[in-house]
Amino acid sequence: MAYGAYGLVEVRGRANGVRVLDQMCKAAAVTFETENTRNGGHDTIVVGGDISACKAAVESVVENPPCPILSSWVITGPSEEFVKIMDEWKAGLR
């Protein structure tokens, strides 16, 4: 499902990814989309929702991190190619 925005947060370790996801979902009306673990245990958590909700969710972990945050981003108005990549992540193809 395509959203108005996606929020991405990268951390080290799946357990930290769960902590970040929990905080993001409590902070705003976002939906868990997928996670991707690569590159020595870096876990990228992806949530979807409207622009303001994704911004609030990402800001909640950047401003009050439950663990070290390696990277964060909000993608507004995602391109078709980005949505395709998210679908491939969900299907385990990438």
PDB file of N, CA and C in Angstrom:
ATOM      1  N   MET A   1       0.849  -1.180   0.000  1.00  0.00           N
ATOM      2  CA  MET A   1       0.000   0.000   0.000  1.00  0.00           C
ATOM      3  C   MET A   1       0.891   1.238   0.000  1.00  0.00           C
ATOM      4  N   ALA A   2       0.607   2.160  -0.842  1.00  0.00           N
ATOM      5  CA  ALA A   2       1.378   3.401  -0.906  1.00  0.00           C
ATOM      6  C   ALA A   2       0.792   4.418   0.077  1.00  0.00           C
ATOM      7  N   TYR A   3       1.662   5.154   0.686  1.00  0.00           N
ATOM      8  CA  TYR A   3       1.272   6.168   1.658  1.00  0.00           C
ATOM      9  C   TYR A   3       1.724   7.529   1.170  1.00  0.00           C
ATOM     10  N   GLY A   4       1.311   8.571   1.881  1.00  0.00           N
ATOM     11  CA  GLY A   4       1.791   9.914   1.590  1.00  0.00           C
ATOM     12  C   GLY A   4       3.247  10.063   1.957  1.00  0.00           C
ATOM     13  N   ALA A   5       3.712   9.217   2.892  1.00  0.00           N
ATOM     14  CA  ALA A   5       5.112   9.292   3.321  1.00  0.00           C
ATOM     15  C   ALA A   5       5.534   7.965   3.924  1.00  0.00           C
ATOM     16  N   TYR A   6       6.834   7.787   3.943  1.00  0.00           N
ATOM     17  CA  TYR A   6       7.461   6.680   4.660  1.00  0.00           C
ATOM     18  C   TYR A   6       8.486   7.265   5.609  1.00  0.00           C
ATOM     19  N   GLY A   7       8.594   6.691   6.794  1.00  0.00           N
ATOM     20  CA  GLY A   7       9.623   7.086   7.747  1.00  0.00           C
ATOM     21  C   GLY A   7      10.590   5.927   7.917  1.00  0.00           C
ATOM     22  N   LEU A   8      11.870   6.205   7.801  1.00  0.00           N
ATOM     23  CA  LEU A   8      12.900   5.172   7.915  1.00  0.00           C
ATOM     24  C   LEU A   8      13.856   5.531   9.043  1.00  0.00           C
ATOM     25  N   VAL A   9      14.185   4.544   9.857  1.00  0.00           N
ATOM     26  CA  VAL A   9      15.178   4.720  10.910  1.00  0.00           C
ATOM     27  C   VAL A   9      16.091   3.512  10.891  1.00  0.00           C
ATOM     28  N   GLU A  10      17.391   3.779  10.873  1.00  0.00           N
ATOM     29  CA  GLU A  10      18.378   2.705  10.858  1.00  0.00           C
ATOM     30  C   GLU A  10      19.092   2.648  12.203  1.00  0.00           C
ATOM     31  N   VAL A  11      19.177   1.441  12.739  1.00  0.00           N
ATOM     32  CA  VAL A  11      19.854   1.189  14.011  1.00  0.00           C
ATOM     33  C   VAL A  11      20.728  -0.052  13.846  1.00  0.00           C
ATOM     34  N   ARG A  12      21.496  -0.364  14.844  1.00  0.00           N
ATOM     35  CA  ARG A  12      22.285  -1.587  14.813  1.00  0.00           C
ATOM     36  C   ARG A  12      21.596  -2.622  15.695  1.00  0.00           C
ATOM     37  N   GLY A  13      21.182  -3.732  15.076  1.00  0.00           N
ATOM     38  CA  GLY A  13      20.593  -4.839  15.822  1.00  0.00           C
ATOM     39  C   GLY A  13      19.083  -4.868  15.747  1.00  0.00           C
ATOM     40  N   ARG A  14      18.556  -6.059  15.591  1.00  0.00           N
ATOM     41  CA  ARG A  14      17.105  -6.232  15.462  1.00  0.00           C
ATOM     42  C   ARG A  14      16.360  -5.854  16.743  1.00  0.00           C
ATOM     43  N   ALA A  15      16.923  -6.149  17.898  1.00  0.00           N
ATOM     44  CA  ALA A  15      16.252  -5.785  19.152  1.00  0.00           C
ATOM     45  C   ALA A  15      16.096  -4.270  19.251  1.00  0.00           C
ATOM     46  N   ASN A  16      17.113  -3.527  18.839  1.00  0.00           N
ATOM     47  CA  ASN A  16      16.986  -2.070  18.822  1.00  0.00           C
ATOM     48  C   ASN A  16      15.951  -1.634  17.804  1.00  0.00           C
ATOM     49  N   GLY A  17      15.844  -2.344  16.696  1.00  0.00           N
ATOM     50  CA  GLY A  17      14.816  -2.044  15.711  1.00  0.00           C
ATOM     51  C   GLY A  17      13.419  -2.176  16.302  1.00  0.00           C
ATOM     52  N   VAL A  18      13.215  -3.191  17.114  1.00  0.00           N
ATOM     53  CA  VAL A  18      11.915  -3.386  17.765  1.00  0.00           C
ATOM     54  C   VAL A  18      11.633  -2.237  18.728  1.00  0.00           C
ATOM     55  N   ARG A  19      12.643  -1.817  19.455  1.00  0.00           N
ATOM     56  CA  ARG A  19      12.466  -0.689  20.395  1.00  0.00           C
ATOM     57  C   ARG A  19      12.070   0.579  19.648  1.00  0.00           C
ATOM     58  N   VAL A  20      12.748   0.843  18.535  1.00  0.00           N
ATOM     59  CA  VAL A  20      12.459   2.027  17.733  1.00  0.00           C
ATOM     60  C   VAL A  20      11.044   1.947  17.156  1.00  0.00           C
ATOM     61  N   LEU A  21      10.682   0.786  16.624  1.00  0.00           N
ATOM     62  CA  LEU A  21       9.345   0.625  16.055  1.00  0.00           C
ATOM     63  C   LEU A  21       8.274   0.864  17.105  1.00  0.00           C
ATOM     64  N   ASP A  22       8.452   0.329  18.284  1.00  0.00           N
ATOM     65  CA  ASP A  22       7.479   0.517  19.362  1.00  0.00           C
ATOM     66  C   ASP A  22       7.306   2.003  19.669  1.00  0.00           C
ATOM     67  N   GLN A  23       8.411   2.709  19.794  1.00  0.00           N
ATOM     68  CA  GLN A  23       8.337   4.139  20.107  1.00  0.00           C
ATOM     69  C   GLN A  23       7.678   4.919  18.977  1.00  0.00           C
ATOM     70  N   MET A  24       8.005   4.581  17.728  1.00  0.00           N
ATOM     71  CA  MET A  24       7.422   5.285  16.595  1.00  0.00           C
ATOM     72  C   MET A  24       5.904   5.085  16.535  1.00  0.00           C
ATOM     73  N   CYS A  25       5.458   3.848  16.756  1.00  0.00           N
ATOM     74  CA  CYS A  25       4.015   3.556  16.699  1.00  0.00           C
ATOM     75  C   CYS A  25       3.256   4.202  17.848  1.00  0.00           C
ATOM     76  N   LYS A  26       3.911   4.372  18.988  1.00  0.00           N
ATOM     77  CA  LYS A  26       3.273   5.047  20.117  1.00  0.00           C
ATOM     78  C   LYS A  26       3.218   6.560  19.915  1.00  0.00           C
ATOM     79  N   ALA A  27       4.162   7.102  19.138  1.00  0.00           N
ATOM     80  CA  ALA A  27       4.262   8.550  18.961  1.00  0.00           C
ATOM     81  C   ALA A  27       3.291   9.096  17.923  1.00  0.00           C
ATOM     82  N   ALA A  28       2.903   8.269  16.952  1.00  0.00           N
ATOM     83  CA  ALA A  28       2.077   8.782  15.861  1.00  0.00           C
ATOM     84  C   ALA A  28       1.288   7.648  15.217  1.00  0.00           C
ATOM     85  N   ALA A  29       0.291   8.026  14.443  1.00  0.00           N
ATOM     86  CA  ALA A  29      -0.564   7.045  13.761  1.00  0.00           C
ATOM     87  C   ALA A  29       0.124   6.573  12.477  1.00  0.00           C
ATOM     88  N   VAL A  30       1.134   5.722  12.660  1.00  0.00           N
ATOM     89  CA  VAL A  30       1.856   5.140  11.532  1.00  0.00           C
ATOM     90  C   VAL A  30       1.643   3.635  11.535  1.00  0.00           C
ATOM     91  N   THR A  31       1.923   3.028  10.398  1.00  0.00           N
ATOM     92  CA  THR A  31       1.778   1.593  10.234  1.00  0.00           C
ATOM     93  C   THR A  31       3.134   0.991   9.919  1.00  0.00           C
ATOM     94  N   PHE A  32       3.466  -0.101  10.594  1.00  0.00           N
ATOM     95  CA  PHE A  32       4.712  -0.804  10.286  1.00  0.00           C
ATOM     96  C   PHE A  32       4.621  -1.358   8.876  1.00  0.00           C
ATOM     97  N   GLU A  33       5.598  -1.034   8.066  1.00  0.00           N
ATOM     98  CA  GLU A  33       5.627  -1.503   6.690  1.00  0.00           C
ATOM     99  C   GLU A  33       6.572  -2.691   6.535  1.00  0.00           C
ATOM    100  N   THR A  34       7.819  -2.520   6.934  1.00  0.00           N
ATOM    101  CA  THR A  34       8.801  -3.590   6.785  1.00  0.00           C
ATOM    102  C   THR A  34      10.057  -3.241   7.557  1.00  0.00           C
ATOM    103  N   GLU A  35      10.940  -4.202   7.645  1.00  0.00           N
ATOM    104  CA  GLU A  35      12.272  -3.962   8.182  1.00  0.00           C
ATOM    105  C   GLU A  35      13.246  -4.691   7.293  1.00  0.00           C
ATOM    106  N   ASN A  36      14.475  -4.209   7.294  1.00  0.00           N
ATOM    107  CA  ASN A  36      15.494  -4.805   6.449  1.00  0.00           C
ATOM    108  C   ASN A  36      16.794  -4.825   7.230  1.00  0.00           C
ATOM    109  N   THR A  37      17.354  -6.012   7.410  1.00  0.00           N
ATOM    110  CA  THR A  37      18.612  -6.144   8.138  1.00  0.00           C
ATOM    111  C   THR A  37      19.711  -6.500   7.161  1.00  0.00           C
ATOM    112  N   ARG A  38      20.745  -5.680   7.152  1.00  0.00           N
ATOM    113  CA  ARG A  38      21.881  -5.868   6.242  1.00  0.00           C
ATOM    114  C   ARG A  38      23.146  -5.293   6.877  1.00  0.00           C
ATOM    115  N   ASN A  39      24.215  -5.467   6.148  1.00  0.00           N
ATOM    116  CA  ASN A  39      25.479  -4.783   6.438  1.00  0.00           C
ATOM    117  C   ASN A  39      25.902  -4.875   7.900  1.00  0.00           C
ATOM    118  N   GLY A  40      26.190  -6.063   8.355  1.00  0.00           N
ATOM    119  CA  GLY A  40      26.699  -6.221   9.716  1.00  0.00           C
ATOM    120  C   GLY A  40      25.688  -5.941  10.799  1.00  0.00           C
ATOM    121  N   GLY A  41      24.410  -6.219  10.523  1.00  0.00           N
ATOM    122  CA  GLY A  41      23.399  -6.079  11.561  1.00  0.00           C
ATOM    123  C   GLY A  41      22.695  -4.745  11.594  1.00  0.00           C
ATOM    124  N   HIS A  42      22.885  -3.913  10.591  1.00  0.00           N
ATOM    125  CA  HIS A  42      22.141  -2.661  10.539  1.00  0.00           C
ATOM    126  C   HIS A  42      20.696  -2.994  10.185  1.00  0.00           C
ATOM    127  N   ASP A  43      19.772  -2.519  11.005  1.00  0.00           N
ATOM    128  CA  ASP A  43      18.354  -2.815  10.824  1.00  0.00           C
ATOM    129  C   ASP A  43      17.640  -1.521  10.459  1.00  0.00           C
ATOM    130  N   THR A  44      16.971  -1.516   9.319  1.00  0.00           N
ATOM    131  CA  THR A  44      16.204  -0.353   8.892  1.00  0.00           C
ATOM    132  C   THR A  44      14.727  -0.642   9.106  1.00  0.00           C
ATOM    133  N   ILE A  45      14.092   0.190   9.909  1.00  0.00           N
ATOM    134  CA  ILE A  45      12.668   0.076  10.207  1.00  0.00           C
ATOM    135  C   ILE A  45      11.933   1.069   9.324  1.00  0.00           C
ATOM    136  N   VAL A  46      10.863   0.622   8.684  1.00  0.00           N
ATOM    137  CA  VAL A  46      10.088   1.483   7.787  1.00  0.00           C
ATOM    138  C   VAL A  46       8.640   1.516   8.258  1.00  0.00           C
ATOM    139  N   VAL A  47       8.128   2.730   8.453  1.00  0.00           N
ATOM    140  CA  VAL A  47       6.717   2.921   8.776  1.00  0.00           C
ATOM    141  C   VAL A  47       6.095   3.768   7.679  1.00  0.00           C
ATOM    142  N   GLY A  48       4.789   3.665   7.534  1.00  0.00           N
ATOM    143  CA  GLY A  48       4.076   4.453   6.534  1.00  0.00           C
ATOM    144  C   GLY A  48       2.902   5.172   7.147  1.00  0.00           C
ATOM    145  N   GLY A  49       2.490   6.236   6.499  1.00  0.00           N
ATOM    146  CA  GLY A  49       1.346   7.002   6.962  1.00  0.00           C
ATOM    147  C   GLY A  49       1.312   8.338   6.276  1.00  0.00           C
ATOM    148  N   ASP A  50       0.557   9.263   6.853  1.00  0.00           N
ATOM    149  CA  ASP A  50       0.564  10.592   6.250  1.00  0.00           C
ATOM    150  C   ASP A  50       1.849  11.315   6.637  1.00  0.00           C
ATOM    151  N   ILE A  51       2.115  12.412   5.963  1.00  0.00           N
ATOM    152  CA  ILE A  51       3.396  13.102   6.124  1.00  0.00           C
ATOM    153  C   ILE A  51       3.636  13.525   7.561  1.00  0.00           C
ATOM    154  N   SER A  52       2.656  14.147   8.189  1.00  0.00           N
ATOM    155  CA  SER A  52       2.854  14.638   9.556  1.00  0.00           C
ATOM    156  C   SER A  52       3.065  13.492  10.544  1.00  0.00           C
ATOM    157  N   ALA A  53       2.383  12.378  10.349  1.00  0.00           N
ATOM    158  CA  ALA A  53       2.550  11.239  11.252  1.00  0.00           C
ATOM    159  C   ALA A  53       3.945  10.630  11.107  1.00  0.00           C
ATOM    160  N   CYS A  54       4.408  10.486   9.880  1.00  0.00           N
ATOM    161  CA  CYS A  54       5.750   9.916   9.677  1.00  0.00           C
ATOM    162  C   CYS A  54       6.827  10.834  10.233  1.00  0.00           C
ATOM    163  N   LYS A  55       6.658  12.144  10.036  1.00  0.00           N
ATOM    164  CA  LYS A  55       7.622  13.096  10.595  1.00  0.00           C
ATOM    165  C   LYS A  55       7.626  13.019  12.115  1.00  0.00           C
ATOM    166  N   ALA A  56       6.445  12.957  12.733  1.00  0.00           N
ATOM    167  CA  ALA A  56       6.359  12.873  14.195  1.00  0.00           C
ATOM    168  C   ALA A  56       6.978  11.578  14.708  1.00  0.00           C
ATOM    169  N   ALA A  57       6.746  10.473  14.012  1.00  0.00           N
ATOM    170  CA  ALA A  57       7.293   9.186  14.436  1.00  0.00           C
ATOM    171  C   ALA A  57       8.822   9.192  14.385  1.00  0.00           C
ATOM    172  N   VAL A  58       9.373   9.683  13.289  1.00  0.00           N
ATOM    173  CA  VAL A  58      10.834   9.723  13.156  1.00  0.00           C
ATOM    174  C   VAL A  58      11.434  10.710  14.161  1.00  0.00           C
ATOM    175  N   GLU A  59      10.831  11.873  14.294  1.00  0.00           N
ATOM    176  CA  GLU A  59      11.333  12.860  15.254  1.00  0.00           C
ATOM    177  C   GLU A  59      11.316  12.325  16.681  1.00  0.00           C
ATOM    178  N   SER A  60      10.335  11.482  17.007  1.00  0.00           N
ATOM    179  CA  SER A  60      10.245  10.959  18.369  1.00  0.00           C
ATOM    180  C   SER A  60      11.471  10.137  18.737  1.00  0.00           C
ATOM    181  N   VAL A  61      12.007   9.377  17.786  1.00  0.00           N
ATOM    182  CA  VAL A  61      13.197   8.569  18.108  1.00  0.00           C
ATOM    183  C   VAL A  61      14.490   9.351  17.934  1.00  0.00           C
ATOM    184  N   VAL A  62      14.487  10.364  17.079  1.00  0.00           N
ATOM    185  CA  VAL A  62      15.690  11.190  16.910  1.00  0.00           C
ATOM    186  C   VAL A  62      15.876  12.083  18.130  1.00  0.00           C
ATOM    187  N   GLU A  63      14.784  12.660  18.626  1.00  0.00           N
ATOM    188  CA  GLU A  63      14.862  13.572  19.759  1.00  0.00           C
ATOM    189  C   GLU A  63      14.999  12.865  21.099  1.00  0.00           C
ATOM    190  N   ASN A  64      14.503  11.646  21.200  1.00  0.00           N
ATOM    191  CA  ASN A  64      14.580  10.873  22.443  1.00  0.00           C
ATOM    192  C   ASN A  64      14.932   9.433  22.088  1.00  0.00           C
ATOM    193  N   PRO A  65      16.156   9.181  21.634  1.00  0.00           N
ATOM    194  CA  PRO A  65      16.503   7.858  21.112  1.00  0.00           C
ATOM    195  C   PRO A  65      16.541   6.773  22.195  1.00  0.00           C
ATOM    196  N   PRO A  66      15.889   5.636  21.925  1.00  0.00           N
ATOM    197  CA  PRO A  66      15.955   4.507  22.853  1.00  0.00           C
ATOM    198  C   PRO A  66      17.256   3.722  22.704  1.00  0.00           C
ATOM    199  N   CYS A  67      18.017   4.040  21.648  1.00  0.00           N
ATOM    200  CA  CYS A  67      19.289   3.388  21.345  1.00  0.00           C
ATOM    201  C   CYS A  67      20.011   4.292  20.346  1.00  0.00           C
ATOM    202  N   PRO A  68      21.264   3.999  20.032  1.00  0.00           N
ATOM    203  CA  PRO A  68      21.942   4.830  19.024  1.00  0.00           C
ATOM    204  C   PRO A  68      21.241   4.742  17.661  1.00  0.00           C
ATOM    205  N   ILE A  69      20.965   5.890  17.084  1.00  0.00           N
ATOM    206  CA  ILE A  69      20.321   5.976  15.771  1.00  0.00           C
ATOM    207  C   ILE A  69      21.420   6.240  14.743  1.00  0.00           C
ATOM    208  N   LEU A  70      21.519   5.374  13.753  1.00  0.00           N
ATOM    209  CA  LEU A  70      22.555   5.530  12.731  1.00  0.00           C
ATOM    210  C   LEU A  70      22.123   6.487  11.629  1.00  0.00           C
ATOM    211  N   SER A  71      20.843   6.450  11.279  1.00  0.00           N
ATOM    212  CA  SER A  71      20.347   7.289  10.195  1.00  0.00           C
ATOM    213  C   SER A  71      18.830   7.363  10.291  1.00  0.00           C
ATOM    214  N   SER A  72      18.269   8.455   9.798  1.00  0.00           N
ATOM    215  CA  SER A  72      16.805   8.575   9.769  1.00  0.00           C
ATOM    216  C   SER A  72      16.413   9.448   8.591  1.00  0.00           C
ATOM    217  N   TRP A  73      15.213   9.211   8.088  1.00  0.00           N
ATOM    218  CA  TRP A  73      14.746   9.974   6.945  1.00  0.00           C
ATOM    219  C   TRP A  73      13.237   9.837   6.825  1.00  0.00           C
ATOM    220  N   VAL A  74      12.607  10.868   6.287  1.00  0.00           N
ATOM    221  CA  VAL A  74      11.196  10.816   5.927  1.00  0.00           C
ATOM    222  C   VAL A  74      11.118  11.051   4.423  1.00  0.00           C
ATOM    223  N   ILE A  75      10.482  10.131   3.722  1.00  0.00           N
ATOM    224  CA  ILE A  75      10.301  10.237   2.275  1.00  0.00           C
ATOM    225  C   ILE A  75       8.850  10.638   2.034  1.00  0.00           C
ATOM    226  N   THR A  76       8.647  11.843   1.522  1.00  0.00           N
ATOM    227  CA  THR A  76       7.291  12.315   1.245  1.00  0.00           C
ATOM    228  C   THR A  76       6.991  12.124  -0.236  1.00  0.00           C
ATOM    229  N   GLY A  77       5.754  11.796  -0.532  1.00  0.00           N
ATOM    230  CA  GLY A  77       5.357  11.579  -1.922  1.00  0.00           C
ATOM    231  C   GLY A  77       6.264  10.586  -2.621  1.00  0.00           C
ATOM    232  N   PRO A  78       6.368   9.355  -2.082  1.00  0.00           N
ATOM    233  CA  PRO A  78       7.325   8.394  -2.632  1.00  0.00           C
ATOM    234  C   PRO A  78       7.071   8.086  -4.113  1.00  0.00           C
ATOM    235  N   SER A  79       8.161   7.918  -4.836  1.00  0.00           N
ATOM    236  CA  SER A  79       8.071   7.592  -6.256  1.00  0.00           C
ATOM    237  C   SER A  79       7.590   6.153  -6.428  1.00  0.00           C
ATOM    238  N   GLU A  80       7.166   5.833  -7.628  1.00  0.00           N
ATOM    239  CA  GLU A  80       6.743   4.466  -7.930  1.00  0.00           C
ATOM    240  C   GLU A  80       7.890   3.487  -7.701  1.00  0.00           C
ATOM    241  N   GLU A  81       9.102   3.903  -8.052  1.00  0.00           N
ATOM    242  CA  GLU A  81      10.269   3.037  -7.874  1.00  0.00           C
ATOM    243  C   GLU A  81      10.515   2.757  -6.388  1.00  0.00           C
ATOM    244  N   PHE A  82      10.374   3.783  -5.543  1.00  0.00           N
ATOM    245  CA  PHE A  82      10.562   3.586  -4.113  1.00  0.00           C
ATOM    246  C   PHE A  82       9.505   2.631  -3.558  1.00  0.00           C
ATOM    247  N   VAL A  83       8.256   2.806  -3.967  1.00  0.00           N
ATOM    248  CA  VAL A  83       7.183   1.913  -3.518  1.00  0.00           C
ATOM    249  C   VAL A  83       7.488   0.480  -3.961  1.00  0.00           C
ATOM    250  N   LYS A  84       8.004   0.315  -5.164  1.00  0.00           N
ATOM    251  CA  LYS A  84       8.385  -1.007  -5.653  1.00  0.00           C
ATOM    252  C   LYS A  84       9.479  -1.621  -4.777  1.00  0.00           C
ATOM    253  N   ILE A  85      10.461  -0.823  -4.395  1.00  0.00           N
ATOM    254  CA  ILE A  85      11.529  -1.322  -3.513  1.00  0.00           C
ATOM    255  C   ILE A  85      10.948  -1.748  -2.170  1.00  0.00           C
ATOM    256  N   MET A  86      10.021  -0.963  -1.624  1.00  0.00           N
ATOM    257  CA  MET A  86       9.399  -1.324  -0.351  1.00  0.00           C
ATOM    258  C   MET A  86       8.640  -2.639  -0.489  1.00  0.00           C
ATOM    259  N   ASP A  87       7.932  -2.817  -1.595  1.00  0.00           N
ATOM    260  CA  ASP A  87       7.214  -4.073  -1.828  1.00  0.00           C
ATOM    261  C   ASP A  87       8.185  -5.249  -1.924  1.00  0.00           C
ATOM    262  N   GLU A  88       9.330  -5.035  -2.554  1.00  0.00           N
ATOM    263  CA  GLU A  88      10.344  -6.090  -2.649  1.00  0.00           C
ATOM    264  C   GLU A  88      10.943  -6.400  -1.286  1.00  0.00           C
ATOM    265  N   TRP A  89      11.163  -5.393  -0.454  1.00  0.00           N
ATOM    266  CA  TRP A  89      11.651  -5.633   0.907  1.00  0.00           C
ATOM    267  C   TRP A  89      10.650  -6.483   1.670  1.00  0.00           C
ATOM    268  N   LYS A  90       9.361  -6.126   1.549  1.00  0.00           N
ATOM    269  CA  LYS A  90       8.323  -6.881   2.261  1.00  0.00           C
ATOM    270  C   LYS A  90       8.275  -8.327   1.803  1.00  0.00           C
ATOM    271  N   ALA A  91       8.509  -8.556   0.527  1.00  0.00           N
ATOM    272  CA  ALA A  91       8.475  -9.915  -0.024  1.00  0.00           C
ATOM    273  C   ALA A  91       9.798 -10.659   0.191  1.00  0.00           C
ATOM    274  N   GLY A  92      10.799  -9.973   0.747  1.00  0.00           N
ATOM    275  CA  GLY A  92      12.093 -10.605   0.983  1.00  0.00           C
ATOM    276  C   GLY A  92      12.926 -10.775  -0.271  1.00  0.00           C
ATOM    277  N   LEU A  93      12.655  -9.963  -1.290  1.00  0.00           N
ATOM    278  CA  LEU A  93      13.367 -10.097  -2.561  1.00  0.00           C
ATOM    279  C   LEU A  93      14.628  -9.259  -2.640  1.00  0.00           C
ATOM    280  N   ARG A  94      14.806  -8.312  -1.745  1.00  0.00           N
ATOM    281  CA  ARG A  94      16.002  -7.461  -1.752  1.00  0.00           C
ATOM    282  C   ARG A  94      16.737  -7.605  -0.463  1.00  0.00           C
TER     283      ARG A  94
END
